C-alpha atoms as a PDB file:
ATOM      1  CA  MET A   1      20.362  25.209 -14.567  1.00  0.00           C
ATOM      2  CA  ASN A   2      23.495  24.601 -16.693  1.00  0.00           C
ATOM      3  CA  TYR A   3      23.420  28.267 -17.782  1.00  0.00           C
ATOM      4  CA  ILE A   4      23.100  29.373 -14.155  1.00  0.00           C
ATOM      5  CA  LEU A   5      25.984  27.120 -13.127  1.00  0.00           C
ATOM      6  CA  LYS A   6      28.255  28.461 -15.884  1.00  0.00           C
ATOM      7  CA  THR A   7      27.392  32.057 -14.971  1.00  0.00           C
ATOM      8  CA  VAL A   8      28.142  31.474 -11.279  1.00  0.00           C
ATOM      9  CA  PHE A   9      31.509  29.852 -11.957  1.00  0.00           C
ATOM     10  CA  VAL A  10      32.529  32.595 -14.398  1.00  0.00           C
ATOM     11  CA  PHE A  11      31.762  35.122 -11.659  1.00  0.00           C
ATOM     12  CA  LEU A  12      33.738  33.104  -9.115  1.00  0.00           C
ATOM     13  CA  PHE A  13      36.706  32.795 -11.512  1.00  0.00           C
ATOM     14  CA  VAL A  14      36.770  36.580 -11.952  1.00  0.00           C
ATOM     15  CA  LEU A  15      36.554  36.990  -8.177  1.00  0.00           C
ATOM     16  CA  ILE A  16      39.544  34.667  -7.612  1.00  0.00           C
ATOM     17  CA  ASN A  17      41.652  36.649 -10.062  1.00  0.00           C
ATOM     18  CA  LYS A  18      40.658  39.916  -8.426  1.00  0.00           C
ATOM     19  CA  VAL A  19      41.414  38.712  -4.902  1.00  0.00           C
ATOM     20  CA  SER A  20      44.701  37.099  -5.964  1.00  0.00           C
ATOM     21  CA  ALA A  21      45.858  40.427  -7.416  1.00  0.00           C
ATOM     22  CA  GLN A  22      45.117  42.312  -4.204  1.00  0.00           C
ATOM     23  CA  ASP A  23      47.308  42.693  -1.157  1.00  0.00           C
ATOM     24  CA  THR A  24      44.736  41.703   1.442  1.00  0.00           C
ATOM     25  CA  THR A  25      44.890  39.914   4.792  1.00  0.00           C
ATOM     26  CA  GLN A  26      41.482  38.775   5.973  1.00  0.00           C
ATOM     27  CA  LYS A  27      42.347  35.391   7.464  1.00  0.00           C
ATOM     28  CA  ASN A  28      40.996  36.367  10.863  1.00  0.00           C
ATOM     29  CA  GLU A  29      37.527  37.302   9.600  1.00  0.00           C
ATOM     30  CA  LYS A  30      34.802  35.023  10.889  1.00  0.00           C
ATOM     31  CA  VAL A  31      32.273  34.804   8.026  1.00  0.00           C
ATOM     32  CA  ARG A  32      32.682  33.126   4.635  1.00  0.00           C
ATOM     33  CA  LEU A  33      30.078  33.080   1.881  1.00  0.00           C
ATOM     34  CA  GLY A  34      30.149  30.925  -1.244  1.00  0.00           C
ATOM     35  CA  PHE A  35      28.607  28.482  -3.674  1.00  0.00           C
ATOM     36  CA  ASN A  36      28.840  24.683  -4.067  1.00  0.00           C
ATOM     37  CA  TYR A  37      27.897  22.373  -6.918  1.00  0.00           C
ATOM     38  CA  GLY A  38      27.665  18.605  -6.532  1.00  0.00           C
ATOM     39  CA  PHE A  39      26.371  15.319  -7.852  1.00  0.00           C
ATOM     40  CA  GLY A  40      25.848  11.844  -6.475  1.00  0.00           C
ATOM     41  CA  THR A  41      24.100   8.510  -6.685  1.00  0.00           C
ATOM     42  CA  GLN A  42      22.605   5.724  -4.619  1.00  0.00           C
ATOM     43  CA  GLN A  43      24.090   3.137  -6.989  1.00  0.00           C
ATOM     44  CA  SER A  44      27.506   3.137  -5.323  1.00  0.00           C
ATOM     45  CA  TYR A  45      29.239   2.002  -2.132  1.00  0.00           C
ATOM     46  CA  PRO A  46      28.187   2.070   0.679  1.00  0.00           C
ATOM     47  CA  PHE A  47      24.556   1.981  -0.494  1.00  0.00           C
ATOM     48  CA  ASN A  48      23.863   0.364  -3.896  1.00  0.00           C
ATOM     49  CA  SER A  49      20.403  -1.041  -3.209  1.00  0.00           C
ATOM     50  CA  LYS A  50      19.109  -3.089  -6.128  1.00  0.00           C
ATOM     51  CA  ASP A  51      15.528  -1.985  -5.421  1.00  0.00           C
ATOM     52  CA  TYR A  52      15.803   1.546  -6.831  1.00  0.00           C
ATOM     53  CA  THR A  53      17.924   4.200  -8.516  1.00  0.00           C
ATOM     54  CA  TYR A  54      18.459   7.694  -7.135  1.00  0.00           C
ATOM     55  CA  ASP A  55      20.756  10.121  -8.958  1.00  0.00           C
ATOM     56  CA  VAL A  56      21.245  13.636  -7.606  1.00  0.00           C
ATOM     57  CA  GLU A  57      22.542  16.995  -8.778  1.00  0.00           C
ATOM     58  CA  PHE A  58      22.571  19.915  -6.377  1.00  0.00           C
ATOM     59  CA  TYR A  59      23.371  23.591  -5.900  1.00  0.00           C
ATOM     60  CA  LYS A  60      24.167  25.179  -2.539  1.00  0.00           C
ATOM     61  CA  ILE A  61      24.776  28.558  -1.018  1.00  0.00           C
ATOM     62  CA  GLN A  62      27.354  27.989   1.729  1.00  0.00           C
ATOM     63  CA  VAL A  63      27.788  30.170   4.825  1.00  0.00           C
ATOM     64  CA  ASN A  64      30.529  29.387   7.355  1.00  0.00           C
ATOM     65  CA  TYR A  65      30.959  31.141  10.702  1.00  0.00           C
ATOM     66  CA  LEU A  66      34.198  30.648  12.658  1.00  0.00           C
ATOM     67  CA  ILE A  67      33.491  29.887  16.329  1.00  0.00           C
ATOM     68  CA  SER A  68      37.070  29.457  17.511  1.00  0.00           C
ATOM     69  CA  LYS A  69      40.586  28.626  16.358  1.00  0.00           C
ATOM     70  CA  LYS A  70      43.268  26.903  18.444  1.00  0.00           C
ATOM     71  CA  ARG A  71      46.614  26.363  16.772  1.00  0.00           C
ATOM     72  CA  LYS A  72      45.887  24.072  13.809  1.00  0.00           C
ATOM     73  CA  TRP A  73      42.294  23.314  14.815  1.00  0.00           C
ATOM     74  CA  SER A  74      39.282  25.481  14.049  1.00  0.00           C
ATOM     75  CA  PHE A  75      35.559  25.039  14.627  1.00  0.00           C
ATOM     76  CA  GLU A  76      32.826  26.473  12.407  1.00  0.00           C
ATOM     77  CA  ILE A  77      29.071  26.642  12.041  1.00  0.00           C
ATOM     78  CA  ASN A  78      27.917  25.665   8.540  1.00  0.00           C
ATOM     79  CA  VAL A  79      24.621  26.770   6.926  1.00  0.00           C
ATOM     80  CA  GLU A  80      23.642  25.510   3.452  1.00  0.00           C
ATOM     81  CA  PRO A  81      20.382  26.431   1.667  1.00  0.00           C
ATOM     82  CA  SER A  82      20.243  23.929  -1.191  1.00  0.00           C
ATOM     83  CA  ILE A  83      18.276  22.699  -4.188  1.00  0.00           C
ATOM     84  CA  TYR A  84      18.539  19.009  -5.125  1.00  0.00           C
ATOM     85  CA  ILE A  85      17.334  17.881  -8.569  1.00  0.00           C
ATOM     86  CA  ASN A  86      16.980  14.098  -8.548  1.00  0.00           C
ATOM     87  CA  GLU A  87      16.023  11.220 -10.820  1.00  0.00           C
ATOM     88  CA  HIS A  88      14.449   8.193  -9.162  1.00  0.00           C
ATOM     89  CA  GLN A  89      13.110   4.865 -10.391  1.00  0.00           C
ATOM     90  CA  LEU A  90      11.821   1.730  -8.669  1.00  0.00           C
ATOM     91  CA  LEU A  91      13.606  -1.315 -10.128  1.00  0.00           C
ATOM     92  CA  ASN A  92      12.055  -4.058  -8.023  1.00  0.00           C
ATOM     93  CA  LYS A  93       8.296  -3.836  -8.541  1.00  0.00           C
ATOM     94  CA  TYR A  94       7.726  -6.378  -5.752  1.00  0.00           C
ATOM     95  CA  TYR A  95       8.963  -3.781  -3.277  1.00  0.00           C
ATOM     96  CA  VAL A  96       5.345  -2.554  -3.410  1.00  0.00           C
ATOM     97  CA  GLN A  97       3.252  -5.244  -1.701  1.00  0.00           C
ATOM     98  CA  PRO A  98      -0.525  -5.929  -1.504  1.00  0.00           C
ATOM     99  CA  ASN A  99      -0.502  -4.638   2.083  1.00  0.00           C
ATOM    100  CA  ASP A 100       0.508  -1.215   0.696  1.00  0.00           C
ATOM    101  CA  GLY A 101      -3.102  -0.726  -0.371  1.00  0.00           C
ATOM    102  CA  ASP A 102      -5.780  -1.979  -2.740  1.00  0.00           C
ATOM    103  CA  ASP A 103      -4.179   0.092  -5.473  1.00  0.00           C
ATOM    104  CA  TYR A 104      -0.760  -1.606  -5.136  1.00  0.00           C
ATOM    105  CA  LEU A 105      -0.747  -2.668  -8.808  1.00  0.00           C
ATOM    106  CA  GLU A 106      -1.298   0.951  -9.886  1.00  0.00           C
ATOM    107  CA  LYS A 107       1.481   2.004  -7.504  1.00  0.00           C
ATOM    108  CA  ARG A 108       3.834  -0.533  -9.075  1.00  0.00           C
ATOM    109  CA  GLU A 109       3.056   0.884 -12.497  1.00  0.00           C
ATOM    110  CA  GLU A 110       3.576   4.460 -11.310  1.00  0.00           C
ATOM    111  CA  PHE A 111       6.757   3.986  -9.298  1.00  0.00           C
ATOM    112  CA  THR A 112       8.585   1.850 -11.877  1.00  0.00           C
ATOM    113  CA  GLN A 113       8.556   4.865 -14.211  1.00  0.00           C
ATOM    114  CA  LEU A 114      11.564   7.196 -14.145  1.00  0.00           C
ATOM    115  CA  LYS A 115      10.687  10.266 -12.066  1.00  0.00           C
ATOM    116  CA  GLN A 116      12.229  13.643 -11.396  1.00  0.00           C
ATOM    117  CA  LEU A 117      11.841  14.986  -7.876  1.00  0.00           C
ATOM    118  CA  ASN A 118      13.048  18.254  -6.416  1.00  0.00           C
ATOM    119  CA  GLU A 119      14.117  18.837  -2.828  1.00  0.00           C
ATOM    120  CA  TYR A 120      14.408  22.248  -1.151  1.00  0.00           C
ATOM    121  CA  VAL A 121      16.707  22.011   1.860  1.00  0.00           C
ATOM    122  CA  LEU A 122      18.201  24.066   4.699  1.00  0.00           C
ATOM    123  CA  ASN A 123      21.044  22.100   6.302  1.00  0.00           C
ATOM    124  CA  LEU A 124      22.592  23.363   9.567  1.00  0.00           C
ATOM    125  CA  GLY A 125      25.853  21.825  10.703  1.00  0.00           C
ATOM    126  CA  PHE A 126      29.088  21.868  12.644  1.00  0.00           C
ATOM    127  CA  LEU A 127      32.499  21.702  10.974  1.00  0.00           C
ATOM    128  CA  THR A 128      35.853  20.755  12.540  1.00  0.00           C
ATOM    129  CA  ARG A 129      38.888  21.819  10.480  1.00  0.00           C
ATOM    130  CA  TYR A 130      42.575  20.882  10.780  1.00  0.00           C
ATOM    131  CA  ASP A 131      45.377  22.767   9.015  1.00  0.00           C
ATOM    132  CA  LEU A 132      47.607  20.244   7.229  1.00  0.00           C
ATOM    133  CA  PHE A 133      50.348  22.473   5.790  1.00  0.00           C
ATOM    134  CA  ASN A 134      50.737  25.816   4.039  1.00  0.00           C
ATOM    135  CA  ASN A 135      47.241  26.758   2.840  1.00  0.00           C
ATOM    136  CA  PHE A 136      45.776  23.237   2.846  1.00  0.00           C
ATOM    137  CA  SER A 137      43.266  22.065   5.435  1.00  0.00           C
ATOM    138  CA  THR A 138      40.962  19.096   5.907  1.00  0.00           C
ATOM    139  CA  TYR A 139      37.657  18.946   7.756  1.00  0.00           C
ATOM    140  CA  ILE A 140      34.763  16.805   8.931  1.00  0.00           C
ATOM    141  CA  LEU A 141      31.231  18.148   8.632  1.00  0.00           C
ATOM    142  CA  GLY A 142      27.996  16.871  10.149  1.00  0.00           C
ATOM    143  CA  SER A 143      24.681  18.581   9.409  1.00  0.00           C
ATOM    144  CA  VAL A 144      20.934  18.086   9.535  1.00  0.00           C
ATOM    145  CA  GLY A 145      18.015  20.216   8.460  1.00  0.00           C
ATOM    146  CA  PRO A 146      14.448  20.473   7.230  1.00  0.00           C
ATOM    147  CA  MET A 147      13.533  19.923   3.596  1.00  0.00           C
ATOM    148  CA  TYR A 148      10.536  19.738   1.299  1.00  0.00           C
ATOM    149  CA  SER A 149      10.212  17.100  -1.431  1.00  0.00           C
ATOM    150  CA  ASP A 150       7.721  17.721  -4.248  1.00  0.00           C
ATOM    151  CA  THR A 151       7.131  14.135  -5.461  1.00  0.00           C
ATOM    152  CA  ASP A 152       5.914  10.857  -3.928  1.00  0.00           C
ATOM    153  CA  THR A 153       8.058   7.745  -4.293  1.00  0.00           C
ATOM    154  CA  GLU A 154       7.577   4.198  -3.063  1.00  0.00           C
ATOM    155  CA  ARG A 155      10.099   4.964  -0.294  1.00  0.00           C
ATOM    156  CA  MET A 156       8.894   8.351   0.967  1.00  0.00           C
ATOM    157  CA  ASP A 157       5.874  10.611   0.582  1.00  0.00           C
ATOM    158  CA  ALA A 158       6.217  14.119  -0.772  1.00  0.00           C
ATOM    159  CA  GLY A 159       6.250  16.912   1.770  1.00  0.00           C
ATOM    160  CA  PHE A 160       8.224  17.770   4.888  1.00  0.00           C
ATOM    161  CA  ALA A 161      11.300  15.652   5.708  1.00  0.00           C
ATOM    162  CA  PHE A 162      14.862  15.877   6.985  1.00  0.00           C
ATOM    163  CA  SER A 163      18.250  15.887   5.256  1.00  0.00           C
ATOM    164  CA  ASP A 164      21.189  14.301   7.151  1.00  0.00           C
ATOM    165  CA  ILE A 165      24.763  14.733   5.872  1.00  0.00           C
ATOM    166  CA  ILE A 166      28.201  13.611   6.986  1.00  0.00           C
ATOM    167  CA  ALA A 167      31.160  14.795   4.906  1.00  0.00           C
ATOM    168  CA  LEU A 168      34.938  14.771   4.630  1.00  0.00           C
ATOM    169  CA  GLY A 169      36.556  17.692   2.806  1.00  0.00           C
ATOM    170  CA  LEU A 170      39.745  19.378   1.636  1.00  0.00           C
ATOM    171  CA  SER A 171      40.267  23.137   1.266  1.00  0.00           C
ATOM    172  CA  TYR A 172      42.939  25.271  -0.359  1.00  0.00           C
ATOM    173  CA  GLN A 173      43.147  28.932   0.648  1.00  0.00           C
ATOM    174  CA  ILE A 174      44.193  31.737  -1.721  1.00  0.00           C
ATOM    175  CA  LYS A 175      44.171  34.847   0.475  1.00  0.00           C
ATOM    176  CA  ALA A 176      40.445  35.462   1.139  1.00  0.00           C
ATOM    177  CA  ILE A 177      39.277  32.610  -1.130  1.00  0.00           C
ATOM    178  CA  PHE A 178      38.756  28.964  -0.093  1.00  0.00           C
ATOM    179  CA  LEU A 179      38.582  26.319  -2.846  1.00  0.00           C
ATOM    180  CA  ASP A 180      36.722  23.294  -1.566  1.00  0.00           C
ATOM    181  CA  PHE A 181      36.369  19.587  -2.449  1.00  0.00           C
ATOM    182  CA  ARG A 182      34.045  17.368  -0.454  1.00  0.00           C
ATOM    183  CA  TYR A 183      32.937  13.719  -0.274  1.00  0.00           C
ATOM    184  CA  SER A 184      29.652  13.170   1.542  1.00  0.00           C
ATOM    185  CA  LEU A 185      27.004  10.631   2.467  1.00  0.00           C
ATOM    186  CA  ARG A 186      23.393  11.817   2.633  1.00  0.00           C
ATOM    187  CA  HIS A 187      20.144  10.304   3.926  1.00  0.00           C
ATOM    188  CA  VAL A 188      16.696  11.843   3.640  1.00  0.00           C
ATOM    189  CA  SER A 189      13.601  10.665   5.509  1.00  0.00           C
ATOM    190  CA  ASN A 190      10.659  12.132   7.396  1.00  0.00           C
ATOM    191  CA  ALA A 191      11.156  10.776  10.964  1.00  0.00           C
ATOM    192  CA  ASN A 192       8.017   8.627  10.623  1.00  0.00           C
ATOM    193  CA  LEU A 193       5.772  11.657  10.237  1.00  0.00           C
ATOM    194  CA  SER A 194       4.100   9.684   7.436  1.00  0.00           C
ATOM    195  CA  LEU A 195       4.509   6.320   5.738  1.00  0.00           C
ATOM    196  CA  PRO A 196       6.357   5.024   3.826  1.00  0.00           C
ATOM    197  CA  ASN A 197       9.559   6.319   5.402  1.00  0.00           C
ATOM    198  CA  ASN A 198      12.486   4.233   4.158  1.00  0.00           C
ATOM    199  CA  GLY A 199      13.938   7.373   2.607  1.00  0.00           C
ATOM    200  CA  HIS A 200      16.663   7.857  -0.005  1.00  0.00           C
ATOM    201  CA  ASN A 201      20.441   7.630   0.252  1.00  0.00           C
ATOM    202  CA  SER A 202      23.261   8.992  -1.879  1.00  0.00           C
ATOM    203  CA  MET A 203      27.052   9.131  -2.067  1.00  0.00           C
ATOM    204  CA  ASN A 204      28.127  12.562  -3.328  1.00  0.00           C
ATOM    205  CA  PHE A 205      31.025  14.651  -4.578  1.00  0.00           C
ATOM    206  CA  GLU A 206      30.918  18.432  -4.512  1.00  0.00           C
ATOM    207  CA  PHE A 207      33.088  21.396  -5.406  1.00  0.00           C
ATOM    208  CA  GLY A 208      32.814  24.895  -4.035  1.00  0.00           C
ATOM    209  CA  LEU A 209      34.292  28.266  -3.370  1.00  0.00           C
ATOM    210  CA  THR A 210      33.851  30.571  -0.383  1.00  0.00           C
ATOM    211  CA  TYR A 211      34.977  34.152   0.134  1.00  0.00           C
ATOM    212  CA  GLN A 212      35.888  35.712   3.482  1.00  0.00           C
ATOM    213  CA  LEU A 213      33.742  38.777   4.042  1.00  0.00           C
END
């Protein structure tokens, strides 16, 4: 994954230089396509449960579609196919209780081991952007979407679930390129389709780049 990440960012760096050298005006185009990389943790405000750890690293393809623009305000649809690579560990073995099944002692032994779990996600959202000055803008993003998790934890079974995200971001535009920084809060759970369903939470930072098509 580190090799893939380096290759993608080298490509994006070359693209920035190419676009910066061109005399192009594509600010009115509606579609932007790009790539985001991020990382996060549960062990930080506003979450920081002492029962478990949950550290995340993720890679996203980002697609933005401009719905409308009025003066300094603009409104966009956001689509993000993503892969989350997470490490999880139960810290409080008494979180698993006898009423969780006759095999609760085996579950305690299993879930207190450090685990890697992968999540495959398609988040769909709505973004409201405000132009601050020059080429700087800020935005709020809310999104939700289906996901698949490949590993059971004491908080959520593997399988189908949902990914909910709320984010605050900053963008800097260089002609057809948008450089992006984002702070987000994320919750995953399965809407009580199966138990347990306490889900996982994380506070995240991410960096990205999109190109106006």
